[in-house]
Amino acid sequence: MKNLLKKFVLTAALISVSSINAFASINSAYEITPKIDSLRQLGNYNLNGMINRSDLVGERLQNFNLITAQYQNSILVTQESLSGIVSQISILNNSSNISDMEKNMQIRKLLKEADTALYNIDSKTVQYLYSVRTVMPTLTYQKYSKRFRELYNSLRISDSKLISK
């Protein structure tokens, strides 16, 4: 009876792990490293250079800088989180104290966390674009939004594409 229960639990675990993997766009730690580099590029990018200096002055410029700094900070936090996930996967792969099945389950969980972090960046990016909309004149926002979306899509941070209206 115990063997039958063990087989059932093992089968259920394998099915759940494979179904989680079906929705994940990241399948290994090697796929996370380019995402970290892309996040680093976006975080270090001079977003002020995408707007004309005369379009935003005074309080509007301060608000834009504040919103942009918060967004870039969230990118930095995600970048550090992804680096931590890569380190944890490396430790798991080098560990001999854990069974292969347990390693695979923990690695899948970490890959899912990385996937979630990247899709959260997509969400924060959309929020960022809506936030800066309130501090910019309409034409300035349209130009900025178009340039920013082109930059973001070119970095291929996630499988989702930001599309312009």
N, C-alpha and C. Protein backbone atom coordinates (compact mmCIF):
# COMPACT_ATOMS: atom_id res chain seq x y z
N MET A 1 0.81 -1.19 0.00
CA MET A 1 0.00 0.00 0.00
C MET A 1 0.86 1.26 0.00
N LYS A 2 1.97 1.23 0.78
CA LYS A 2 2.85 2.39 0.84
C LYS A 2 3.52 2.63 -0.51
N ASN A 3 3.91 1.55 -1.20
CA ASN A 3 4.53 1.71 -2.52
C ASN A 3 3.57 2.34 -3.51
N LEU A 4 2.32 1.95 -3.46
CA LEU A 4 1.32 2.51 -4.35
C LEU A 4 1.12 4.00 -4.06
N LEU A 5 1.12 4.37 -2.78
CA LEU A 5 0.98 5.77 -2.39
C LEU A 5 2.19 6.58 -2.83
N LYS A 6 3.39 6.01 -2.67
CA LYS A 6 4.61 6.68 -3.11
C LYS A 6 4.60 6.91 -4.62
N LYS A 7 4.18 5.91 -5.39
CA LYS A 7 4.11 6.05 -6.84
C LYS A 7 3.10 7.11 -7.25
N PHE A 8 1.97 7.16 -6.54
CA PHE A 8 0.96 8.17 -6.85
C PHE A 8 1.49 9.57 -6.59
N VAL A 9 2.15 9.77 -5.44
CA VAL A 9 2.71 11.08 -5.10
C VAL A 9 3.79 11.47 -6.09
N LEU A 10 4.65 10.54 -6.46
CA LEU A 10 5.70 10.80 -7.43
C LEU A 10 5.11 11.20 -8.78
N THR A 11 4.10 10.47 -9.22
CA THR A 11 3.45 10.78 -10.50
C THR A 11 2.79 12.15 -10.45
N ALA A 12 2.11 12.46 -9.37
CA ALA A 12 1.47 13.77 -9.23
C ALA A 12 2.51 14.89 -9.23
N ALA A 13 3.64 14.66 -8.55
CA ALA A 13 4.70 15.68 -8.52
C ALA A 13 5.28 15.90 -9.91
N LEU A 14 5.53 14.84 -10.63
CA LEU A 14 6.09 14.97 -11.98
C LEU A 14 5.13 15.67 -12.93
N ILE A 15 3.84 15.37 -12.81
CA ILE A 15 2.84 16.03 -13.66
C ILE A 15 2.78 17.51 -13.34
N SER A 16 2.81 17.87 -12.07
CA SER A 16 2.72 19.29 -11.71
C SER A 16 3.97 20.03 -12.16
N VAL A 17 5.13 19.42 -12.03
CA VAL A 17 6.36 20.07 -12.47
C VAL A 17 6.35 20.25 -13.98
N SER A 18 5.89 19.27 -14.72
CA SER A 18 5.88 19.40 -16.18
C SER A 18 4.85 20.42 -16.63
N SER A 19 3.73 20.54 -15.92
CA SER A 19 2.74 21.53 -16.31
C SER A 19 3.22 22.94 -15.99
N ILE A 20 3.96 23.12 -14.91
CA ILE A 20 4.55 24.42 -14.60
C ILE A 20 5.53 24.81 -15.69
N ASN A 21 6.33 23.87 -16.13
CA ASN A 21 7.31 24.13 -17.17
C ASN A 21 6.66 24.51 -18.49
N ALA A 22 5.47 24.02 -18.75
CA ALA A 22 4.81 24.32 -20.01
C ALA A 22 4.50 25.81 -20.15
N PHE A 23 4.28 26.51 -19.04
CA PHE A 23 3.97 27.93 -19.10
C PHE A 23 5.20 28.80 -18.94
N ALA A 24 6.31 28.24 -18.56
CA ALA A 24 7.52 29.02 -18.32
C ALA A 24 8.24 29.32 -19.62
N SER A 25 8.77 30.52 -19.69
CA SER A 25 9.57 30.86 -20.87
C SER A 25 11.05 30.66 -20.59
N ILE A 26 11.41 30.54 -19.32
CA ILE A 26 12.80 30.30 -18.94
C ILE A 26 12.93 28.83 -18.56
N ASN A 27 13.83 28.13 -19.22
CA ASN A 27 13.98 26.71 -18.98
C ASN A 27 15.30 26.33 -18.33
N SER A 28 16.22 27.30 -18.17
CA SER A 28 17.49 27.00 -17.52
C SER A 28 18.10 28.28 -16.97
N ALA A 29 19.09 28.11 -16.12
CA ALA A 29 19.78 29.27 -15.54
C ALA A 29 20.53 30.05 -16.61
N TYR A 30 20.92 29.37 -17.67
CA TYR A 30 21.66 30.04 -18.75
C TYR A 30 20.80 31.05 -19.48
N GLU A 31 19.50 30.88 -19.45
CA GLU A 31 18.59 31.82 -20.09
C GLU A 31 18.33 33.05 -19.22
N ILE A 32 18.65 32.98 -17.95
CA ILE A 32 18.43 34.11 -17.05
C ILE A 32 19.52 35.16 -17.22
N THR A 33 20.74 34.74 -17.46
CA THR A 33 21.87 35.67 -17.55
C THR A 33 21.68 36.75 -18.61
N PRO A 34 21.23 36.44 -19.84
CA PRO A 34 20.99 37.52 -20.80
C PRO A 34 19.88 38.47 -20.35
N LYS A 35 18.91 37.96 -19.61
CA LYS A 35 17.83 38.81 -19.09
C LYS A 35 18.39 39.79 -18.07
N ILE A 36 19.32 39.32 -17.24
CA ILE A 36 19.97 40.19 -16.27
C ILE A 36 20.74 41.29 -16.99
N ASP A 37 21.45 40.93 -18.06
CA ASP A 37 22.19 41.93 -18.83
C ASP A 37 21.25 42.95 -19.47
N SER A 38 20.11 42.48 -19.96
CA SER A 38 19.13 43.40 -20.55
C SER A 38 18.56 44.34 -19.49
N LEU A 39 18.28 43.81 -18.32
CA LEU A 39 17.80 44.66 -17.23
C LEU A 39 18.85 45.68 -16.83
N ARG A 40 20.11 45.26 -16.82
CA ARG A 40 21.20 46.19 -16.49
C ARG A 40 21.25 47.32 -17.52
N GLN A 41 21.10 46.97 -18.80
CA GLN A 41 21.10 48.01 -19.84
C GLN A 41 19.95 48.98 -19.65
N LEU A 42 18.77 48.46 -19.37
CA LEU A 42 17.60 49.31 -19.18
C LEU A 42 17.76 50.17 -17.93
N GLY A 43 18.27 49.59 -16.88
CA GLY A 43 18.46 50.34 -15.64
C GLY A 43 19.49 51.45 -15.75
N ASN A 44 20.49 51.26 -16.60
CA ASN A 44 21.54 52.26 -16.78
C ASN A 44 21.26 53.22 -17.93
N TYR A 45 20.20 52.97 -18.67
CA TYR A 45 19.90 53.80 -19.83
C TYR A 45 19.47 55.19 -19.38
N ASN A 46 19.92 56.21 -20.09
CA ASN A 46 19.56 57.59 -19.78
C ASN A 46 18.20 57.88 -20.41
N LEU A 47 17.14 57.67 -19.65
CA LEU A 47 15.79 57.88 -20.17
C LEU A 47 15.49 59.36 -20.38
N ASN A 48 16.20 60.23 -19.67
CA ASN A 48 16.03 61.68 -19.89
C ASN A 48 16.46 62.08 -21.29
N GLY A 49 17.36 61.33 -21.87
CA GLY A 49 17.84 61.64 -23.22
C GLY A 49 16.80 61.37 -24.29
N MET A 50 15.71 60.72 -23.93
CA MET A 50 14.66 60.42 -24.91
C MET A 50 13.65 61.56 -25.05
N ILE A 51 13.80 62.58 -24.24
CA ILE A 51 12.87 63.71 -24.32
C ILE A 51 13.65 64.99 -24.59
N ASN A 52 12.99 65.96 -25.18
CA ASN A 52 13.61 67.27 -25.38
C ASN A 52 13.66 67.99 -24.03
N ARG A 53 14.75 68.65 -23.79
CA ARG A 53 14.92 69.33 -22.50
C ARG A 53 13.90 70.45 -22.31
N SER A 54 13.46 71.05 -23.38
CA SER A 54 12.51 72.17 -23.27
C SER A 54 11.08 71.68 -23.05
N ASP A 55 10.80 70.39 -23.27
CA ASP A 55 9.45 69.87 -23.08
C ASP A 55 9.08 69.67 -21.62
N LEU A 56 10.07 69.35 -20.81
CA LEU A 56 9.83 69.15 -19.38
C LEU A 56 10.74 70.08 -18.58
N VAL A 57 10.12 70.96 -17.83
CA VAL A 57 10.88 71.87 -16.98
C VAL A 57 10.19 71.95 -15.62
N GLY A 58 10.94 72.38 -14.64
CA GLY A 58 10.38 72.62 -13.32
C GLY A 58 9.82 71.38 -12.65
N GLU A 59 8.58 71.53 -12.17
CA GLU A 59 7.94 70.45 -11.41
C GLU A 59 7.69 69.22 -12.27
N ARG A 60 7.37 69.42 -13.53
CA ARG A 60 7.15 68.26 -14.42
C ARG A 60 8.42 67.44 -14.56
N LEU A 61 9.55 68.13 -14.72
CA LEU A 61 10.83 67.43 -14.83
C LEU A 61 11.16 66.69 -13.53
N GLN A 62 10.91 67.33 -12.40
CA GLN A 62 11.17 66.68 -11.11
C GLN A 62 10.30 65.44 -10.94
N ASN A 63 9.03 65.55 -11.29
CA ASN A 63 8.13 64.39 -11.19
C ASN A 63 8.56 63.28 -12.14
N PHE A 64 8.96 63.64 -13.35
CA PHE A 64 9.45 62.63 -14.31
C PHE A 64 10.68 61.93 -13.75
N ASN A 65 11.61 62.71 -13.22
CA ASN A 65 12.82 62.13 -12.66
C ASN A 65 12.52 61.21 -11.48
N LEU A 66 11.57 61.59 -10.64
CA LEU A 66 11.19 60.77 -9.49
C LEU A 66 10.57 59.46 -9.94
N ILE A 67 9.63 59.52 -10.87
CA ILE A 67 8.96 58.32 -11.38
C ILE A 67 9.97 57.40 -12.07
N THR A 68 10.87 58.00 -12.84
CA THR A 68 11.89 57.23 -13.56
C THR A 68 12.87 56.58 -12.58
N ALA A 69 13.26 57.30 -11.54
CA ALA A 69 14.18 56.74 -10.54
C ALA A 69 13.53 55.55 -9.82
N GLN A 70 12.25 55.67 -9.49
CA GLN A 70 11.55 54.56 -8.84
C GLN A 70 11.49 53.35 -9.76
N TYR A 71 11.21 53.58 -11.03
CA TYR A 71 11.14 52.49 -12.01
C TYR A 71 12.51 51.82 -12.16
N GLN A 72 13.55 52.63 -12.30
CA GLN A 72 14.88 52.07 -12.46
C GLN A 72 15.33 51.34 -11.20
N ASN A 73 14.87 51.78 -10.04
CA ASN A 73 15.18 51.08 -8.79
C ASN A 73 14.51 49.71 -8.78
N SER A 74 13.27 49.62 -9.25
CA SER A 74 12.60 48.32 -9.29
C SER A 74 13.29 47.38 -10.28
N ILE A 75 13.87 47.94 -11.33
CA ILE A 75 14.64 47.13 -12.28
C ILE A 75 15.90 46.59 -11.59
N LEU A 76 16.55 47.45 -10.81
CA LEU A 76 17.75 47.03 -10.08
C LEU A 76 17.43 45.92 -9.08
N VAL A 77 16.31 46.05 -8.36
CA VAL A 77 15.91 45.03 -7.39
C VAL A 77 15.64 43.70 -8.11
N THR A 78 14.97 43.75 -9.24
CA THR A 78 14.70 42.53 -10.01
C THR A 78 15.99 41.92 -10.53
N GLN A 79 16.88 42.75 -10.99
CA GLN A 79 18.17 42.27 -11.48
C GLN A 79 18.93 41.54 -10.38
N GLU A 80 18.94 42.09 -9.18
CA GLU A 80 19.62 41.44 -8.05
C GLU A 80 18.90 40.14 -7.67
N SER A 81 17.58 40.15 -7.74
CA SER A 81 16.81 38.95 -7.43
C SER A 81 17.14 37.83 -8.42
N LEU A 82 17.22 38.17 -9.69
CA LEU A 82 17.55 37.17 -10.72
C LEU A 82 18.98 36.65 -10.53
N SER A 83 19.89 37.52 -10.14
CA SER A 83 21.26 37.08 -9.87
C SER A 83 21.28 36.10 -8.70
N GLY A 84 20.47 36.36 -7.69
CA GLY A 84 20.35 35.45 -6.55
C GLY A 84 19.79 34.11 -6.97
N ILE A 85 18.81 34.12 -7.87
CA ILE A 85 18.23 32.87 -8.36
C ILE A 85 19.28 32.06 -9.12
N VAL A 86 20.07 32.72 -9.94
CA VAL A 86 21.14 32.02 -10.67
C VAL A 86 22.13 31.40 -9.69
N SER A 87 22.47 32.13 -8.63
CA SER A 87 23.39 31.59 -7.62
C SER A 87 22.78 30.39 -6.91
N GLN A 88 21.50 30.47 -6.57
CA GLN A 88 20.85 29.35 -5.89
C GLN A 88 20.80 28.12 -6.79
N ILE A 89 20.54 28.32 -8.07
CA ILE A 89 20.52 27.19 -9.00
C ILE A 89 21.90 26.56 -9.11
N SER A 90 22.93 27.38 -9.14
CA SER A 90 24.30 26.88 -9.20
C SER A 90 24.63 26.07 -7.94
N ILE A 91 24.22 26.56 -6.79
CA ILE A 91 24.47 25.83 -5.53
C ILE A 91 23.73 24.49 -5.56
N LEU A 92 22.48 24.50 -6.02
CA LEU A 92 21.72 23.26 -6.10
C LEU A 92 22.37 22.25 -7.04
N ASN A 93 22.83 22.74 -8.18
CA ASN A 93 23.46 21.84 -9.16
C ASN A 93 24.74 21.22 -8.62
N ASN A 94 25.46 21.95 -7.78
CA ASN A 94 26.72 21.45 -7.23
C ASN A 94 26.55 20.67 -5.94
N SER A 95 25.34 20.65 -5.40
CA SER A 95 25.08 19.97 -4.13
C SER A 95 24.94 18.47 -4.35
N SER A 96 25.58 17.72 -3.46
CA SER A 96 25.46 16.26 -3.55
C SER A 96 24.61 15.70 -2.40
N ASN A 97 24.13 16.59 -1.52
CA ASN A 97 23.33 16.17 -0.38
C ASN A 97 21.85 16.01 -0.71
N ILE A 98 21.45 16.47 -1.87
CA ILE A 98 20.03 16.47 -2.24
C ILE A 98 19.83 15.50 -3.40
N SER A 99 18.71 14.79 -3.38
CA SER A 99 18.42 13.86 -4.46
C SER A 99 18.15 14.63 -5.76
N ASP A 100 18.33 13.93 -6.88
CA ASP A 100 18.12 14.57 -8.18
C ASP A 100 16.69 15.06 -8.36
N MET A 101 15.75 14.29 -7.86
CA MET A 101 14.34 14.70 -7.98
C MET A 101 14.08 15.98 -7.20
N GLU A 102 14.62 16.06 -6.00
CA GLU A 102 14.45 17.25 -5.17
C GLU A 102 15.15 18.45 -5.82
N LYS A 103 16.35 18.23 -6.37
CA LYS A 103 17.05 19.29 -7.08
C LYS A 103 16.21 19.84 -8.22
N ASN A 104 15.67 18.93 -9.03
CA ASN A 104 14.88 19.35 -10.18
C ASN A 104 13.64 20.13 -9.76
N MET A 105 13.00 19.69 -8.70
CA MET A 105 11.81 20.39 -8.23
C MET A 105 12.16 21.79 -7.73
N GLN A 106 13.25 21.91 -6.98
CA GLN A 106 13.66 23.21 -6.47
C GLN A 106 14.12 24.14 -7.61
N ILE A 107 14.81 23.57 -8.58
CA ILE A 107 15.26 24.37 -9.72
C ILE A 107 14.07 24.87 -10.53
N ARG A 108 13.09 24.01 -10.75
CA ARG A 108 11.86 24.42 -11.46
C ARG A 108 11.16 25.55 -10.72
N LYS A 109 11.13 25.43 -9.41
CA LYS A 109 10.50 26.49 -8.60
C LYS A 109 11.25 27.81 -8.77
N LEU A 110 12.58 27.74 -8.75
CA LEU A 110 13.39 28.95 -8.93
C LEU A 110 13.21 29.54 -10.33
N LEU A 111 13.12 28.68 -11.34
CA LEU A 111 12.90 29.17 -12.71
C LEU A 111 11.53 29.84 -12.83
N LYS A 112 10.56 29.30 -12.15
CA LYS A 112 9.23 29.91 -12.14
C LYS A 112 9.28 31.27 -11.46
N GLU A 113 10.04 31.39 -10.38
CA GLU A 113 10.21 32.68 -9.70
C GLU A 113 10.87 33.69 -10.63
N ALA A 114 11.86 33.24 -11.41
CA ALA A 114 12.52 34.13 -12.35
C ALA A 114 11.54 34.60 -13.43
N ASP A 115 10.74 33.68 -13.91
CA ASP A 115 9.72 34.01 -14.91
C ASP A 115 8.74 35.04 -14.35
N THR A 116 8.31 34.83 -13.13
CA THR A 116 7.38 35.75 -12.48
C THR A 116 8.00 37.13 -12.32
N ALA A 117 9.26 37.17 -11.94
CA ALA A 117 9.95 38.45 -11.77
C ALA A 117 10.02 39.22 -13.08
N LEU A 118 10.26 38.50 -14.18
CA LEU A 118 10.33 39.17 -15.48
C LEU A 118 8.96 39.69 -15.92
N TYR A 119 7.93 38.91 -15.66
CA TYR A 119 6.60 39.40 -16.02
C TYR A 119 6.15 40.53 -15.10
N ASN A 120 6.65 40.56 -13.87
CA ASN A 120 6.38 41.70 -12.99
C ASN A 120 7.04 42.97 -13.53
N ILE A 121 8.20 42.81 -14.13
CA ILE A 121 8.85 43.96 -14.76
C ILE A 121 8.00 44.48 -15.91
N ASP A 122 7.40 43.58 -16.68
CA ASP A 122 6.48 44.00 -17.74
C ASP A 122 5.36 44.85 -17.15
N SER A 123 4.80 44.38 -16.05
CA SER A 123 3.70 45.10 -15.40
C SER A 123 4.17 46.46 -14.88
N LYS A 124 5.33 46.49 -14.25
CA LYS A 124 5.87 47.75 -13.75
C LYS A 124 6.20 48.71 -14.89
N THR A 125 6.58 48.16 -16.03
CA THR A 125 6.88 49.00 -17.19
C THR A 125 5.61 49.68 -17.70
N VAL A 126 4.53 48.93 -17.78
CA VAL A 126 3.26 49.51 -18.20
C VAL A 126 2.82 50.57 -17.19
N GLN A 127 2.97 50.28 -15.90
CA GLN A 127 2.62 51.26 -14.86
C GLN A 127 3.48 52.51 -14.99
N TYR A 128 4.75 52.31 -15.29
CA TYR A 128 5.66 53.44 -15.46
C TYR A 128 5.21 54.32 -16.62
N LEU A 129 4.87 53.69 -17.74
CA LEU A 129 4.44 54.48 -18.89
C LEU A 129 3.16 55.27 -18.59
N TYR A 130 2.26 54.68 -17.86
CA TYR A 130 1.04 55.41 -17.48
C TYR A 130 1.34 56.51 -16.46
N SER A 131 2.31 56.29 -15.60
CA SER A 131 2.66 57.30 -14.60
C SER A 131 3.31 58.53 -15.24
N VAL A 132 4.21 58.30 -16.18
CA VAL A 132 4.87 59.46 -16.80
C VAL A 132 3.92 60.20 -17.74
N ARG A 133 2.86 59.54 -18.14
CA ARG A 133 1.87 60.19 -19.00
C ARG A 133 1.26 61.41 -18.33
N THR A 134 1.10 61.33 -17.02
CA THR A 134 0.47 62.43 -16.29
C THR A 134 1.35 63.65 -16.16
N VAL A 135 2.66 63.50 -16.30
CA VAL A 135 3.56 64.65 -16.12
C VAL A 135 4.07 65.21 -17.44
N MET A 136 3.67 64.61 -18.55
CA MET A 136 4.16 65.06 -19.85
C MET A 136 3.03 65.63 -20.70
N PRO A 137 3.39 66.61 -21.52
CA PRO A 137 2.41 67.03 -22.53
C PRO A 137 2.13 65.87 -23.50
N THR A 138 0.99 65.88 -24.14
CA THR A 138 0.54 64.76 -24.97
C THR A 138 1.54 64.39 -26.05
N LEU A 139 1.99 65.36 -26.83
CA LEU A 139 2.93 65.05 -27.92
C LEU A 139 4.26 64.53 -27.41
N THR A 140 4.73 65.09 -26.33
CA THR A 140 5.98 64.63 -25.73
C THR A 140 5.83 63.19 -25.27
N TYR A 141 4.69 62.89 -24.62
CA TYR A 141 4.45 61.53 -24.15
C TYR A 141 4.39 60.55 -25.31
N GLN A 142 3.72 60.92 -26.38
CA GLN A 142 3.60 60.01 -27.52
C GLN A 142 4.97 59.68 -28.10
N LYS A 143 5.82 60.67 -28.24
CA LYS A 143 7.17 60.43 -28.76
C LYS A 143 7.99 59.59 -27.78
N TYR A 144 7.91 59.95 -26.51
CA TYR A 144 8.66 59.23 -25.49
C TYR A 144 8.20 57.78 -25.40
N SER A 145 6.89 57.59 -25.37
CA SER A 145 6.33 56.25 -25.27
C SER A 145 6.78 55.37 -26.43
N LYS A 146 6.76 55.92 -27.62
CA LYS A 146 7.18 55.16 -28.79
C LYS A 146 8.65 54.76 -28.70
N ARG A 147 9.50 55.70 -28.34
CA ARG A 147 10.93 55.41 -28.21
C ARG A 147 11.19 54.40 -27.09
N PHE A 148 10.51 54.60 -25.97
CA PHE A 148 10.72 53.71 -24.83
C PHE A 148 10.28 52.29 -25.17
N ARG A 149 9.14 52.15 -25.81
CA ARG A 149 8.65 50.81 -26.18
C ARG A 149 9.60 50.13 -27.16
N GLU A 150 10.14 50.88 -28.10
CA GLU A 150 11.12 50.30 -29.03
C GLU A 150 12.35 49.81 -28.28
N LEU A 151 12.82 50.62 -27.34
CA LEU A 151 13.97 50.22 -26.53
C LEU A 151 13.65 48.96 -25.73
N TYR A 152 12.53 48.98 -25.04
CA TYR A 152 12.15 47.85 -24.18
C TYR A 152 11.99 46.57 -24.98
N ASN A 153 11.32 46.66 -26.11
CA ASN A 153 11.12 45.46 -26.94
C ASN A 153 12.42 44.95 -27.53
N SER A 154 13.34 45.85 -27.85
CA SER A 154 14.62 45.43 -28.42
C SER A 154 15.48 44.68 -27.40
N LEU A 155 15.28 44.96 -26.12
CA LEU A 155 16.05 44.28 -25.08
C LEU A 155 15.58 42.86 -24.81
N ARG A 156 14.38 42.51 -25.23
CA ARG A 156 13.82 41.16 -25.08
C ARG A 156 13.89 40.67 -23.63
N ILE A 157 13.37 41.48 -22.75
CA ILE A 157 13.38 41.15 -21.34
C ILE A 157 12.44 39.99 -21.04
N SER A 158 11.29 39.98 -21.69
CA SER A 158 10.36 38.85 -21.54
C SER A 158 9.80 38.51 -22.91
N ASP A 159 8.96 37.49 -22.94
CA ASP A 159 8.35 37.10 -24.22
C ASP A 159 7.24 38.03 -24.65
N SER A 160 6.78 38.88 -23.73
CA SER A 160 5.71 39.83 -24.05
C SER A 160 6.28 41.04 -24.77
N LYS A 161 5.51 41.57 -25.67
CA LYS A 161 5.89 42.78 -26.39
C LYS A 161 5.00 43.91 -25.92
N LEU A 162 5.62 45.05 -25.64
CA LEU A 162 4.83 46.25 -25.35
C LEU A 162 4.44 46.83 -26.69
N ILE A 163 3.16 47.02 -26.88
CA ILE A 163 2.69 47.54 -28.16
C ILE A 163 2.19 48.96 -27.97
N SER A 164 2.38 49.75 -29.00
CA SER A 164 1.94 51.14 -28.96
C SER A 164 0.47 51.22 -29.35
N LYS A 165 -0.15 52.24 -28.84
CA LYS A 165 -1.56 52.47 -29.16
C LYS A 165 -1.69 53.07 -30.54
